[in-house]
Amino acid sequence: MANELNIVLADKGLAVTCQRYLNGAAVSPAITLSEVGVNTGVYSGNMAGAAGNYALAFIAAGENVGAGSILWDGTQEVTLFPIKTKTDALDTTRLANCSTVEITGQQIATI
């Protein structure tokens, strides 16, 4: 995976880093984020490290400009609630009282 660490800031052209914390301890080194495009204020970087639930501090010019967290399995972000897409198999066992299923206004199945 790539670009798991993201922040949008009003200020453009900054040098932004992401300091990771695991179990309350800072993990070195901080990860450098790059601005996506030119003067967009969108900063992105690649997560690295051992598996764990990380607290994140985004820093620019020595100031904390944002915070977040990421659940990491050592190679990719862990999604606790996978999002179903129209191409995923539809579980009809929970749809006994429903005749039509819609996602974002598009009918995907009639039972």
C-alpha atoms as a PDB file:
ATOM      1  CA  MET A   1       0.000   0.000   0.000  1.00  0.00           C
ATOM      2  CA  ALA A   2       1.021   3.608  -0.319  1.00  0.00           C
ATOM      3  CA  ASN A   3      -0.063   7.074   0.761  1.00  0.00           C
ATOM      4  CA  GLU A   4      -1.921   5.942   3.877  1.00  0.00           C
ATOM      5  CA  LEU A   5      -0.970   9.128   5.757  1.00  0.00           C
ATOM      6  CA  ASN A   6      -2.880  12.161   4.486  1.00  0.00           C
ATOM      7  CA  ILE A   7      -3.735  15.649   5.659  1.00  0.00           C
ATOM      8  CA  VAL A   8      -5.267  18.681   3.958  1.00  0.00           C
ATOM      9  CA  LEU A   9      -4.051  22.077   5.166  1.00  0.00           C
ATOM     10  CA  ALA A  10      -4.951  25.629   4.210  1.00  0.00           C
ATOM     11  CA  ASP A  11      -1.243  26.473   3.956  1.00  0.00           C
ATOM     12  CA  LYS A  12       0.585  25.357   0.864  1.00  0.00           C
ATOM     13  CA  GLY A  13       4.270  24.613   0.245  1.00  0.00           C
ATOM     14  CA  LEU A  14       4.978  23.361   3.777  1.00  0.00           C
ATOM     15  CA  ALA A  15       7.453  20.742   4.948  1.00  0.00           C
ATOM     16  CA  VAL A  16       5.113  18.339   6.771  1.00  0.00           C
ATOM     17  CA  THR A  17       6.100  15.291   8.809  1.00  0.00           C
ATOM     18  CA  CYS A  18       4.056  12.655  10.596  1.00  0.00           C
ATOM     19  CA  GLN A  19       5.258  11.546  14.004  1.00  0.00           C
ATOM     20  CA  ARG A  20       3.924   8.104  14.907  1.00  0.00           C
ATOM     21  CA  TYR A  21       3.269   6.960  18.471  1.00  0.00           C
ATOM     22  CA  LEU A  22       2.861   3.312  19.428  1.00  0.00           C
ATOM     23  CA  ASN A  23       1.781   2.521  22.998  1.00  0.00           C
ATOM     24  CA  GLY A  24       2.522   6.147  23.920  1.00  0.00           C
ATOM     25  CA  ALA A  25       6.117   6.088  22.679  1.00  0.00           C
ATOM     26  CA  ALA A  26       7.365   8.046  19.668  1.00  0.00           C
ATOM     27  CA  VAL A  27       8.456   5.837  16.766  1.00  0.00           C
ATOM     28  CA  SER A  28      11.520   7.059  14.871  1.00  0.00           C
ATOM     29  CA  PRO A  29      11.999   8.353  12.332  1.00  0.00           C
ATOM     30  CA  ALA A  30       9.109  10.702  11.613  1.00  0.00           C
ATOM     31  CA  ILE A  31       7.681  10.172   8.125  1.00  0.00           C
ATOM     32  CA  THR A  32       8.057  12.988   5.606  1.00  0.00           C
ATOM     33  CA  LEU A  33       4.907  13.848   3.680  1.00  0.00           C
ATOM     34  CA  SER A  34       5.004  15.313   0.181  1.00  0.00           C
ATOM     35  CA  GLU A  35       2.610  17.888  -1.168  1.00  0.00           C
ATOM     36  CA  VAL A  36       0.434  16.273  -3.833  1.00  0.00           C
ATOM     37  CA  GLY A  37       0.707  18.427  -6.943  1.00  0.00           C
ATOM     38  CA  VAL A  38       1.796  22.067  -6.790  1.00  0.00           C
ATOM     39  CA  ASN A  39       0.418  24.359  -4.080  1.00  0.00           C
ATOM     40  CA  THR A  40      -2.559  22.127  -3.279  1.00  0.00           C
ATOM     41  CA  GLY A  41      -2.242  21.967   0.517  1.00  0.00           C
ATOM     42  CA  VAL A  42      -2.764  18.194   0.276  1.00  0.00           C
ATOM     43  CA  TYR A  43       0.069  16.244   1.914  1.00  0.00           C
ATOM     44  CA  SER A  44       0.585  12.490   1.686  1.00  0.00           C
ATOM     45  CA  GLY A  45       3.092   9.875   2.818  1.00  0.00           C
ATOM     46  CA  ASN A  46       3.663   6.148   3.165  1.00  0.00           C
ATOM     47  CA  MET A  47       3.078   4.444   6.497  1.00  0.00           C
ATOM     48  CA  ALA A  48       5.768   2.074   7.763  1.00  0.00           C
ATOM     49  CA  GLY A  49       6.359   0.119  10.959  1.00  0.00           C
ATOM     50  CA  ALA A  50       5.373  -2.912  12.964  1.00  0.00           C
ATOM     51  CA  ALA A  51       1.735  -3.888  13.394  1.00  0.00           C
ATOM     52  CA  GLY A  52      -0.180  -1.793  15.885  1.00  0.00           C
ATOM     53  CA  ASN A  53      -2.642   0.990  16.574  1.00  0.00           C
ATOM     54  CA  TYR A  54      -0.691   4.211  16.008  1.00  0.00           C
ATOM     55  CA  ALA A  55      -1.505   7.725  17.150  1.00  0.00           C
ATOM     56  CA  LEU A  56      -0.347  10.285  14.584  1.00  0.00           C
ATOM     57  CA  ALA A  57       0.804  13.891  14.950  1.00  0.00           C
ATOM     58  CA  PHE A  58       1.230  15.948  11.786  1.00  0.00           C
ATOM     59  CA  ILE A  59       3.875  18.643  12.222  1.00  0.00           C
ATOM     60  CA  ALA A  60       4.910  21.665  10.126  1.00  0.00           C
ATOM     61  CA  ALA A  61       7.419  24.349  11.159  1.00  0.00           C
ATOM     62  CA  GLY A  62       7.632  22.762  14.616  1.00  0.00           C
ATOM     63  CA  GLU A  63       3.891  23.131  15.211  1.00  0.00           C
ATOM     64  CA  ASN A  64       1.247  20.416  15.482  1.00  0.00           C
ATOM     65  CA  VAL A  65      -1.078  20.989  12.516  1.00  0.00           C
ATOM     66  CA  GLY A  66      -3.223  17.868  12.853  1.00  0.00           C
ATOM     67  CA  ALA A  67      -3.694  14.512  14.528  1.00  0.00           C
ATOM     68  CA  GLY A  68      -5.165  11.142  13.741  1.00  0.00           C
ATOM     69  CA  SER A  69      -4.696   7.422  14.114  1.00  0.00           C
ATOM     70  CA  ILE A  70      -4.113   4.387  11.951  1.00  0.00           C
ATOM     71  CA  LEU A  71      -4.554   0.684  12.622  1.00  0.00           C
ATOM     72  CA  TRP A  72      -1.634  -0.972  10.812  1.00  0.00           C
ATOM     73  CA  ASP A  73      -0.955  -4.676  10.203  1.00  0.00           C
ATOM     74  CA  GLY A  74       2.713  -4.167   9.288  1.00  0.00           C
ATOM     75  CA  THR A  75       2.077  -3.879   5.550  1.00  0.00           C
ATOM     76  CA  GLN A  76      -1.261  -2.106   5.126  1.00  0.00           C
ATOM     77  CA  GLU A  77      -3.995  -0.222   6.924  1.00  0.00           C
ATOM     78  CA  VAL A  78      -6.595  -2.392   8.644  1.00  0.00           C
ATOM     79  CA  THR A  79     -10.193  -1.506   7.794  1.00  0.00           C
ATOM     80  CA  LEU A  80     -12.551  -2.559  10.570  1.00  0.00           C
ATOM     81  CA  PHE A  81     -15.708  -2.151   8.497  1.00  0.00           C
ATOM     82  CA  PRO A  82     -15.084  -3.085   4.866  1.00  0.00           C
ATOM     83  CA  ILE A  83     -17.234  -1.130   2.444  1.00  0.00           C
ATOM     84  CA  LYS A  84     -19.254  -3.218   0.028  1.00  0.00           C
ATOM     85  CA  THR A  85     -19.211  -2.198  -3.611  1.00  0.00           C
ATOM     86  CA  LYS A  86     -21.675  -2.988  -6.349  1.00  0.00           C
ATOM     87  CA  THR A  87     -19.413  -5.815  -7.509  1.00  0.00           C
ATOM     88  CA  ASP A  88     -19.232  -7.523  -4.095  1.00  0.00           C
ATOM     89  CA  ALA A  89     -21.430 -10.540  -3.455  1.00  0.00           C
ATOM     90  CA  LEU A  90     -24.679  -9.504  -1.818  1.00  0.00           C
ATOM     91  CA  ASP A  91     -25.680 -11.311   1.372  1.00  0.00           C
ATOM     92  CA  THR A  92     -29.418 -11.824   0.957  1.00  0.00           C
ATOM     93  CA  THR A  93     -29.950 -13.609   4.277  1.00  0.00           C
ATOM     94  CA  ARG A  94     -30.549 -10.272   6.034  1.00  0.00           C
ATOM     95  CA  LEU A  95     -32.914  -8.984   3.392  1.00  0.00           C
ATOM     96  CA  ALA A  96     -35.931 -11.160   4.105  1.00  0.00           C
ATOM     97  CA  ASN A  97     -38.266  -8.166   4.522  1.00  0.00           C
ATOM     98  CA  CYS A  98     -36.887  -6.162   1.628  1.00  0.00           C
ATOM     99  CA  SER A  99     -37.734  -6.440  -2.041  1.00  0.00           C
ATOM    100  CA  THR A 100     -35.236  -3.966  -3.535  1.00  0.00           C
ATOM    101  CA  VAL A 101     -31.723  -3.018  -2.486  1.00  0.00           C
ATOM    102  CA  GLU A 102     -30.313   0.388  -3.381  1.00  0.00           C
ATOM    103  CA  ILE A 103     -26.858   1.837  -2.844  1.00  0.00           C
ATOM    104  CA  THR A 104     -26.381   5.566  -3.511  1.00  0.00           C
ATOM    105  CA  GLY A 105     -29.602   5.673  -5.459  1.00  0.00           C
ATOM    106  CA  GLN A 106     -28.736   2.871  -7.871  1.00  0.00           C
ATOM    107  CA  GLN A 107     -30.731  -0.333  -7.814  1.00  0.00           C
ATOM    108  CA  ILE A 108     -28.353  -3.259  -7.645  1.00  0.00           C
ATOM    109  CA  ALA A 109     -30.646  -6.163  -6.849  1.00  0.00           C
ATOM    110  CA  THR A 110     -34.287  -7.148  -6.809  1.00  0.00           C
ATOM    111  CA  ILE A 111     -35.173 -10.093  -4.654  1.00  0.00           C
END
